[in-house]
Amino acid sequence: MSELQRRVTIIYYQDNGLELHHTIETFDQNLSGRVIIPKEFKKGKSIIAVCDGEVEILNKIGDRILSVNYTTSM
């Protein structure tokens, strides 16, 4: 990895949904250290956060709701 690149974790929503996503990518950075995210990557996404390095996300909003088993009793 070049000195002008940075490995980041990006947290985002797809524009057509409410599920929170994340990905680990390596992008170029400018001389002041700001990551340059390509337009192609940003297309169709709303970026929530850019974190330095690889971040292990243990829980995201909605994870527990999706994992609950609904049962009905009669």
Protein backbone atom coordinates (compact mmCIF):
# COMPACT_ATOMS: atom_id res chain seq x y z
CA MET A 1 0.00 0.00 0.00
CA SER A 2 1.35 3.41 -0.99
CA GLU A 3 1.82 6.28 1.47
CA LEU A 4 -0.85 8.13 -0.49
CA GLN A 5 -3.42 5.41 0.10
CA ARG A 6 -5.41 4.59 3.19
CA ARG A 7 -7.38 1.51 4.24
CA VAL A 8 -10.77 2.55 5.59
CA THR A 9 -14.07 1.11 6.72
CA ILE A 10 -17.03 2.87 5.15
CA ILE A 11 -20.49 2.72 6.73
CA TYR A 12 -23.33 3.54 4.36
CA TYR A 13 -26.94 3.06 3.27
CA GLN A 14 -27.92 2.01 -0.23
CA ASP A 15 -30.18 4.73 -1.66
CA ASN A 16 -32.98 2.20 -2.19
CA GLY A 17 -33.06 0.71 1.33
CA LEU A 18 -32.79 1.22 5.06
CA GLU A 19 -30.32 -1.56 5.87
CA LEU A 20 -26.97 -0.27 7.17
CA HIS A 21 -23.96 -1.67 5.26
CA HIS A 22 -20.20 -1.50 5.66
CA THR A 23 -17.17 -2.35 3.55
CA ILE A 24 -13.41 -2.20 3.93
CA GLU A 25 -11.63 -0.50 1.03
CA THR A 26 -8.27 1.04 0.14
CA PHE A 27 -8.54 4.48 -1.45
CA ASP A 28 -6.16 7.23 -2.44
CA GLN A 29 -5.72 10.12 -0.03
CA ASN A 30 -4.64 13.68 -0.65
CA LEU A 31 -1.54 15.27 0.88
CA SER A 32 -3.51 16.43 3.93
CA GLY A 33 -4.65 12.84 4.63
CA ARG A 34 -8.26 13.15 3.46
CA VAL A 35 -9.52 9.98 1.73
CA ILE A 36 -10.66 10.43 -1.87
CA ILE A 37 -13.71 8.23 -2.44
CA PRO A 38 -14.32 7.65 -6.17
CA LYS A 39 -17.63 8.81 -7.65
CA GLU A 40 -18.27 5.26 -8.89
CA PHE A 41 -18.15 3.97 -5.30
CA LYS A 42 -20.44 6.73 -3.99
CA LYS A 43 -23.07 6.17 -6.69
CA GLY A 44 -26.29 4.86 -5.14
CA LYS A 45 -25.03 5.21 -1.55
CA SER A 46 -25.45 7.61 1.36
CA ILE A 47 -22.17 7.46 3.27
CA ILE A 48 -22.63 7.72 7.05
CA ALA A 49 -19.02 7.40 8.23
CA VAL A 50 -15.46 6.81 7.01
CA CYS A 51 -13.34 5.12 9.68
CA ASP A 52 -9.55 4.75 9.65
CA GLY A 53 -8.47 1.14 9.17
CA GLU A 54 -10.43 -2.07 9.43
CA VAL A 55 -13.27 -1.76 11.92
CA GLU A 56 -15.05 -4.89 13.17
CA ILE A 57 -18.70 -3.94 13.57
CA LEU A 58 -20.35 -6.13 16.18
CA ASN A 59 -23.91 -4.79 15.93
CA LYS A 60 -25.69 -2.41 13.60
CA ILE A 61 -29.05 -0.75 14.05
CA GLY A 62 -31.73 -3.24 13.08
CA ASP A 63 -29.59 -6.37 13.56
CA ARG A 64 -31.47 -7.46 16.66
CA ILE A 65 -34.85 -6.72 15.13
CA LEU A 66 -34.10 -8.94 12.14
CA SER A 67 -32.88 -11.80 14.36
CA VAL A 68 -36.00 -11.99 16.55
CA ASN A 69 -38.18 -15.02 15.87
CA TYR A 70 -41.82 -14.07 15.92
CA THR A 71 -44.20 -16.76 17.12
CA THR A 72 -47.92 -16.66 17.56
CA SER A 73 -49.86 -18.66 20.07
CA MET A 74 -53.51 -19.58 19.74
